[in-house]
Structure formats: structure tokens, C-alpha cells
N, C-alpha and C. Protein backbone atom coordinates (compact mmCIF):
# COMPACT_ATOMS: atom_id res chain seq x y z
N UNK A 1 -5.06 -23.25 50.10
CA UNK A 1 -4.47 -22.33 49.47
C UNK A 1 -4.61 -22.28 48.16
N UNK A 2 -4.47 -23.14 47.24
CA UNK A 2 -5.03 -22.80 45.92
C UNK A 2 -6.05 -22.45 45.72
N UNK A 3 -7.29 -22.57 46.33
CA UNK A 3 -8.33 -22.08 46.38
C UNK A 3 -8.74 -20.58 46.73
N UNK A 4 -8.12 -20.36 48.08
CA UNK A 4 -7.76 -19.44 48.21
C UNK A 4 -7.17 -18.45 46.21
N UNK A 5 -6.10 -18.30 46.31
CA UNK A 5 -5.71 -17.74 45.13
C UNK A 5 -6.93 -17.88 44.33
N UNK A 6 -7.57 -18.81 43.73
CA UNK A 6 -8.16 -19.12 42.82
C UNK A 6 -9.35 -18.06 43.42
N UNK A 7 -9.61 -17.72 44.48
CA UNK A 7 -10.66 -16.99 44.93
C UNK A 7 -10.36 -15.50 44.34
N UNK A 8 -9.20 -15.24 45.44
CA UNK A 8 -8.98 -13.72 45.39
C UNK A 8 -8.52 -13.52 43.73
N UNK A 9 -8.14 -14.18 42.79
CA UNK A 9 -8.01 -13.80 41.56
C UNK A 9 -9.96 -13.11 40.75
N UNK A 10 -10.56 -14.72 41.25
CA UNK A 10 -12.03 -13.99 40.76
C UNK A 10 -12.66 -12.91 41.16
N UNK A 11 -12.52 -12.77 42.09
CA UNK A 11 -12.84 -11.64 42.82
C UNK A 11 -12.45 -10.64 42.28
N UNK A 12 -10.81 -10.33 42.54
CA UNK A 12 -10.05 -9.66 41.54
C UNK A 12 -10.81 -8.85 40.20
N UNK A 13 -10.75 -9.22 38.82
CA UNK A 13 -11.38 -9.94 38.25
C UNK A 13 -12.47 -9.07 37.96
N UNK A 14 -13.45 -9.69 39.04
CA UNK A 14 -15.04 -8.89 38.74
C UNK A 14 -14.95 -7.71 39.15
N UNK A 15 -14.33 -7.19 39.94
CA UNK A 15 -14.14 -5.76 40.36
C UNK A 15 -13.68 -5.26 39.35
N UNK A 16 -12.75 -5.61 38.60
CA UNK A 16 -12.22 -4.81 37.41
C UNK A 16 -13.25 -4.77 36.48
N UNK A 17 -13.77 -5.70 36.32
CA UNK A 17 -14.75 -6.15 34.96
C UNK A 17 -15.99 -5.04 35.13
N UNK A 18 -16.31 -4.99 36.85
CA UNK A 18 -17.40 -4.18 37.15
C UNK A 18 -16.91 -2.70 36.98
N UNK A 19 -16.04 -2.34 37.41
CA UNK A 19 -15.08 -0.82 37.60
C UNK A 19 -15.18 -0.48 36.01
N UNK A 20 -15.13 -1.03 35.31
CA UNK A 20 -14.47 -0.61 33.74
C UNK A 20 -15.68 -0.44 32.95
N UNK A 21 -17.03 -1.53 33.44
CA UNK A 21 -18.92 -1.64 32.98
C UNK A 21 -19.10 -0.34 33.39
N UNK A 22 -18.97 0.27 34.57
CA UNK A 22 -19.76 1.40 35.47
C UNK A 22 -19.22 2.50 35.49
N UNK A 23 -17.89 2.32 35.05
CA UNK A 23 -17.24 4.04 34.33
C UNK A 23 -18.38 4.73 33.37
N UNK A 24 -19.18 5.39 33.29
CA UNK A 24 -19.33 6.31 32.31
C UNK A 24 -18.50 6.94 31.56
N UNK A 25 -17.39 7.10 31.75
CA UNK A 25 -16.22 7.77 30.68
C UNK A 25 -14.93 7.16 29.96
N UNK A 26 -14.71 6.04 30.47
CA UNK A 26 -14.04 4.82 29.84
C UNK A 26 -15.33 4.03 28.80
N UNK A 27 -16.55 4.20 29.47
CA UNK A 27 -17.46 3.49 27.97
C UNK A 27 -17.51 4.51 26.73
N UNK A 28 -17.65 5.75 27.08
CA UNK A 28 -17.73 7.04 26.25
C UNK A 28 -15.69 7.12 25.23
N UNK A 29 -15.26 6.34 25.85
CA UNK A 29 -13.94 6.45 25.04
C UNK A 29 -13.61 5.37 24.55
N UNK A 30 -14.40 3.96 24.66
CA UNK A 30 -14.39 3.00 23.66
C UNK A 30 -14.71 2.86 22.66
N UNK A 31 -14.48 2.87 21.10
CA UNK A 31 -15.13 3.06 20.27
C UNK A 31 -14.87 1.78 19.71
N UNK A 32 -15.39 0.49 19.38
CA UNK A 32 -15.49 -0.51 18.04
C UNK A 32 -16.08 -0.07 17.06
N UNK A 33 -15.10 -0.28 15.90
CA UNK A 33 -15.76 0.12 14.50
C UNK A 33 -15.84 -1.76 13.77
N UNK A 34 -16.83 -1.39 13.13
CA UNK A 34 -17.36 -2.91 12.61
C UNK A 34 -16.34 -3.45 11.52
N UNK A 35 -15.92 -4.50 11.82
CA UNK A 35 -14.50 -5.16 10.83
C UNK A 35 -15.10 -5.70 9.97
N UNK A 36 -16.38 -5.66 9.25
CA UNK A 36 -17.04 -6.24 8.26
C UNK A 36 -17.12 -5.15 7.45
N UNK A 37 -16.87 -3.79 7.57
CA UNK A 37 -17.63 -2.68 7.13
C UNK A 37 -18.72 -1.81 7.54
N UNK A 38 -18.67 -0.72 6.93
CA UNK A 38 -20.33 0.26 7.56
C UNK A 38 -21.10 -0.42 6.92
N UNK A 39 -21.72 -0.20 5.70
CA UNK A 39 -22.78 -0.96 4.83
C UNK A 39 -22.59 -2.38 4.61
N UNK A 40 -22.48 -3.47 5.95
CA UNK A 40 -22.36 -4.94 5.42
C UNK A 40 -23.88 -5.16 5.16
N UNK A 41 -24.62 -6.01 4.47
CA UNK A 41 -25.99 -6.57 4.48
C UNK A 41 -25.26 -8.42 4.10
N UNK A 42 -26.29 -9.39 4.56
CA UNK A 42 -25.88 -10.46 4.91
C UNK A 42 -26.28 -10.48 2.95
N UNK A 43 -26.76 -10.20 2.22
CA UNK A 43 -26.15 -10.92 0.87
C UNK A 43 -24.81 -10.33 0.17
N UNK A 44 -24.73 -8.96 0.88
CA UNK A 44 -23.14 -8.65 0.34
C UNK A 44 -22.07 -9.39 1.24
N UNK A 45 -22.22 -9.65 2.54
CA UNK A 45 -21.31 -10.73 3.44
C UNK A 45 -21.07 -12.03 2.22
N UNK A 46 -22.72 -12.22 2.01
CA UNK A 46 -22.57 -13.98 1.41
C UNK A 46 -21.53 -13.84 -0.24
N UNK A 47 -21.76 -12.36 -0.83
CA UNK A 47 -20.96 -12.46 -1.66
C UNK A 47 -19.66 -12.28 -1.89
N UNK A 48 -18.74 -11.07 -0.16
CA UNK A 48 -17.67 -11.51 -0.37
C UNK A 48 -16.93 -12.60 0.13
N UNK A 49 -18.02 -13.57 0.79
CA UNK A 49 -17.55 -14.99 1.00
C UNK A 49 -17.56 -15.53 -0.31
N UNK A 50 -18.07 -15.76 -1.13
CA UNK A 50 -18.70 -16.41 -2.61
C UNK A 50 -16.96 -15.90 -3.18
N UNK A 51 -16.76 -14.73 -3.17
CA UNK A 51 -15.80 -13.72 -4.11
C UNK A 51 -14.68 -14.53 -3.53
N UNK A 52 -14.04 -15.06 -2.30
CA UNK A 52 -13.14 -15.28 -1.41
C UNK A 52 -12.86 -16.76 -1.75
N UNK A 53 -13.71 -17.55 -1.61
CA UNK A 53 -14.12 -19.01 -2.27
C UNK A 53 -13.11 -19.54 -3.21
N UNK A 54 -13.87 -18.71 -4.69
CA UNK A 54 -13.86 -18.06 -6.09
C UNK A 54 -11.75 -18.27 -5.92
N UNK A 55 -11.77 -17.39 -5.37
CA UNK A 55 -10.17 -17.10 -5.09
C UNK A 55 -9.15 -18.08 -5.34
N UNK A 56 -9.63 -18.46 -3.83
CA UNK A 56 -9.19 -19.81 -3.60
C UNK A 56 -9.31 -20.94 -4.47
N UNK A 57 -10.78 -20.91 -5.19
CA UNK A 57 -10.89 -22.04 -6.27
C UNK A 57 -9.85 -22.33 -7.46
N UNK A 58 -10.04 -20.99 -7.51
CA UNK A 58 -9.39 -20.49 -9.05
C UNK A 58 -7.87 -21.01 -8.91
N UNK A 59 -7.12 -20.42 -8.18
CA UNK A 59 -5.70 -20.94 -8.02
C UNK A 59 -5.16 -22.01 -7.53
N UNK A 60 -6.62 -22.39 -6.76
CA UNK A 60 -6.35 -24.32 -7.20
C UNK A 60 -6.47 -24.94 -8.21
N UNK A 61 -7.16 -25.26 -8.60
CA UNK A 61 -7.53 -25.29 -10.33
C UNK A 61 -6.13 -24.64 -11.28
N UNK A 62 -5.77 -23.37 -11.40
CA UNK A 62 -4.28 -22.95 -12.06
C UNK A 62 -3.02 -24.91 -11.44
N UNK A 63 -3.26 -24.83 -10.28
CA UNK A 63 -1.87 -25.32 -9.64
C UNK A 63 -2.54 -26.81 -10.84
N UNK A 64 -3.62 -27.14 -10.29
CA UNK A 64 -4.13 -28.72 -10.74
C UNK A 64 -3.75 -28.41 -12.34
N UNK A 65 -4.28 -27.10 -12.98
CA UNK A 65 -4.07 -27.67 -14.77
C UNK A 65 -2.14 -27.32 -14.90
N UNK A 66 -1.12 -27.12 -14.00
CA UNK A 66 -0.28 -26.93 -14.21
C UNK A 66 0.73 -28.60 -13.56
N UNK A 67 -0.04 -28.91 -13.10
CA UNK A 67 0.42 -30.61 -12.45
C UNK A 67 -0.03 -31.30 -13.68
N UNK A 68 -1.10 -31.52 -13.86
CA UNK A 68 -1.82 -32.27 -15.28
C UNK A 68 -0.78 -31.78 -16.13
N UNK A 69 -0.47 -30.52 -16.94
CA UNK A 69 0.18 -30.52 -17.85
C UNK A 69 1.62 -31.44 -17.81
N UNK A 70 2.19 -30.98 -16.43
CA UNK A 70 3.27 -31.60 -16.46
C UNK A 70 3.36 -33.34 -16.67
N UNK A 71 2.36 -33.68 -15.98
CA UNK A 71 2.48 -35.10 -16.12
C UNK A 71 2.29 -35.46 -16.84
N UNK A 72 1.32 -34.87 -18.04
CA UNK A 72 1.09 -35.73 -19.02
C UNK A 72 2.29 -34.75 -19.98
N UNK A 73 2.93 -33.58 -19.79
CA UNK A 73 4.46 -33.49 -20.89
C UNK A 73 5.47 -34.60 -20.17
N UNK A 74 5.55 -34.45 -18.86
CA UNK A 74 6.88 -35.61 -18.85
C UNK A 74 6.63 -37.40 -18.47
N UNK A 75 5.80 -37.84 -19.58
CA UNK A 75 5.32 -39.26 -19.74
C UNK A 75 6.37 -40.01 -20.15
N UNK A 76 7.02 -38.97 -21.96
CA UNK A 76 7.58 -39.54 -22.05
C UNK A 76 7.07 -41.08 -22.66
N UNK A 77 6.12 -41.14 -23.11
CA UNK A 77 5.52 -42.14 -23.95
C UNK A 77 4.41 -43.60 -22.95
N UNK A 78 4.66 -43.30 -21.76
CA UNK A 78 3.94 -43.91 -20.74
C UNK A 78 2.28 -43.70 -20.88
N UNK A 79 1.61 -44.80 -21.22
CA UNK A 79 0.28 -44.35 -21.60
C UNK A 79 -0.44 -44.35 -20.35
N UNK A 80 0.07 -45.10 -19.40
CA UNK A 80 -0.49 -44.65 -18.14
C UNK A 80 -0.93 -43.18 -17.57
N UNK A 81 1.17 -42.93 -17.44
CA UNK A 81 1.14 -41.42 -17.16
C UNK A 81 0.58 -40.27 -18.29
N UNK A 82 -0.03 -40.63 -19.48
CA UNK A 82 -0.44 -39.54 -20.53
C UNK A 82 -1.94 -39.63 -20.08
N UNK A 83 -2.89 -40.81 -19.18
CA UNK A 83 -4.29 -40.56 -19.38
C UNK A 83 -3.89 -40.41 -17.86
N UNK A 84 -3.38 -40.68 -17.26
CA UNK A 84 -3.54 -39.35 -15.40
C UNK A 84 -3.21 -37.97 -15.88
N UNK A 85 -2.41 -37.20 -16.61
CA UNK A 85 -2.35 -36.08 -17.23
C UNK A 85 -3.34 -35.98 -17.48
N UNK A 86 -3.74 -36.02 -18.71
CA UNK A 86 -5.53 -35.91 -19.13
C UNK A 86 -6.53 -35.73 -18.60
N UNK A 87 -6.97 -37.09 -17.29
CA UNK A 87 -7.98 -37.36 -16.90
C UNK A 87 -7.45 -35.88 -15.98
N UNK A 88 -6.40 -35.32 -15.45
CA UNK A 88 -6.52 -34.24 -14.47
C UNK A 88 -6.62 -32.98 -15.14
N UNK A 89 -6.48 -32.63 -15.80
CA UNK A 89 -6.58 -32.04 -17.07
C UNK A 89 -8.09 -31.43 -16.99
N UNK A 90 -9.04 -33.03 -17.56
CA UNK A 90 -10.58 -33.35 -17.90
C UNK A 90 -11.31 -32.98 -16.10
N UNK A 91 -11.07 -33.00 -15.34
CA UNK A 91 -11.32 -33.25 -13.97
C UNK A 91 -11.34 -32.00 -13.14
N UNK A 92 -10.19 -31.19 -13.59
CA UNK A 92 -9.89 -29.85 -13.41
C UNK A 92 -10.77 -28.59 -13.95
N UNK A 93 -10.81 -29.21 -15.50
CA UNK A 93 -11.61 -28.16 -15.96
C UNK A 93 -12.55 -28.06 -15.43
N UNK A 94 -13.61 -29.53 -15.97
CA UNK A 94 -14.99 -29.93 -15.22
C UNK A 94 -15.21 -29.46 -13.94
N UNK A 95 -14.29 -29.29 -13.20
CA UNK A 95 -14.44 -29.01 -11.22
C UNK A 95 -14.60 -27.29 -11.90
N UNK A 96 -13.53 -26.42 -12.34
CA UNK A 96 -14.19 -24.95 -12.30
C UNK A 96 -15.76 -25.26 -13.25
N UNK A 97 -15.60 -25.33 -14.15
CA UNK A 97 -17.37 -25.61 -15.30
C UNK A 97 -18.29 -25.75 -14.01
N UNK A 98 -17.97 -26.58 -13.05
CA UNK A 98 -19.22 -26.76 -11.62
C UNK A 98 -19.26 -25.53 -10.71
N UNK A 99 -17.73 -25.21 -10.29
CA UNK A 99 -17.98 -24.13 -9.70
C UNK A 99 -18.19 -23.11 -9.71
N UNK A 100 -18.07 -22.37 -11.60
CA UNK A 100 -18.74 -21.64 -11.43
C UNK A 100 -20.29 -21.04 -12.01
N UNK A 101 -20.94 -22.47 -12.18
CA UNK A 101 -22.36 -22.86 -12.35
C UNK A 101 -23.15 -22.70 -10.96
N UNK A 102 -22.38 -23.40 -9.94
CA UNK A 102 -23.15 -22.91 -8.57
C UNK A 102 -22.63 -21.51 -8.66
N UNK A 103 -21.98 -20.65 -8.54
CA UNK A 103 -21.79 -19.50 -7.92
C UNK A 103 -22.92 -18.67 -9.32
N UNK A 104 -23.05 -18.85 -10.13
CA UNK A 104 -24.20 -18.22 -11.01
C UNK A 104 -25.74 -18.22 -10.80
N UNK A 105 -25.57 -20.08 -10.10
CA UNK A 105 -26.62 -19.88 -9.65
C UNK A 105 -27.16 -19.31 -8.49
N UNK A 106 -26.24 -19.63 -7.69
CA UNK A 106 -26.44 -18.89 -5.93
C UNK A 106 -26.96 -17.46 -6.30
N UNK A 107 -25.73 -16.77 -7.34
CA UNK A 107 -25.75 -15.12 -7.38
C UNK A 107 -27.57 -15.03 -8.27
N UNK A 108 -28.11 -15.75 -8.92
CA UNK A 108 -29.56 -15.93 -9.52
C UNK A 108 -30.60 -15.85 -8.29
N UNK A 109 -30.17 -16.59 -7.02
CA UNK A 109 -31.13 -16.66 -6.23
C UNK A 109 -31.23 -15.70 -5.60
N UNK A 110 -29.99 -15.78 -4.79
CA UNK A 110 -29.86 -14.31 -3.97
C UNK A 110 -30.31 -12.88 -4.42
N UNK A 111 -30.28 -12.66 -5.98
CA UNK A 111 -31.29 -11.56 -6.76
C UNK A 111 -32.42 -11.69 -7.00
N UNK A 112 -33.13 -12.88 -6.99
CA UNK A 112 -34.28 -13.41 -7.28
C UNK A 112 -35.48 -13.11 -5.92
N UNK A 113 -34.06 -13.35 -5.08
CA UNK A 113 -35.03 -13.32 -3.61
C UNK A 113 -35.07 -11.59 -2.89
N UNK A 114 -34.66 -10.86 -4.34
CA UNK A 114 -34.64 -9.48 -3.93
C UNK A 114 -33.82 -9.13 -2.67
N UNK A 115 -32.53 -9.94 -2.15
CA UNK A 115 -32.04 -9.01 -1.68
C UNK A 115 -30.64 -8.29 -2.09
């Protein structure tokens, strides 16, 4: 009984798939646009992905700077908390330097390739 239902469903599905693919009127009315844009190239797409990632990294760096500053300011003389806050700020700044340096390197390499 179950096999019969699966067989009927599969045959019906195949019938509609072939019916829609073989009908030229329906094929002409369906227009799909490129979701990436009209003038999409690989370097342009890579550039947009890198820009998006940098936006997220910048937001995370801002959050880490705020967290490090709050940790440092609420230390109340506790040397461990002061050191923790200072380290968070230092590593956040160093992370931004590494991220922006890698972005500059990738941009240089893509431009050098001629794309």
C-alpha cells in the first residue's frame, strides 16, 4: 500500500515536471534574474564578500573595545582586572591591524592579477 502511494506520487511529480519543461509558453514567461547583480565578476564578488566580512569584524572589534574598556574601568584597583582589560584592548587593536593588513594584501594581489 505504501509503495503504491509513493509510486503514484513519483509519477505525478514527473508528469508535472516534464509538462512544465516541455511547454514553450510557460518557459518564455519565467524569467530569473541574477541575485548577485547584472555585472558580476569574480573579483567584484570577492570584494563584496570581503567588505561584508570587514563590516562584521569591525562590529566585533567595537564590541571588544567596549568590553575591554568596561573591564578596565570597573577593575576598582584589582590588578588582574586591569591587566585583563588592557590585554583585551591590546589584542583587539592587534586583531584589527592584522585584518586590515590582510585586506590590503588581498586587494593588492587581486589588482596585480589584473582582475
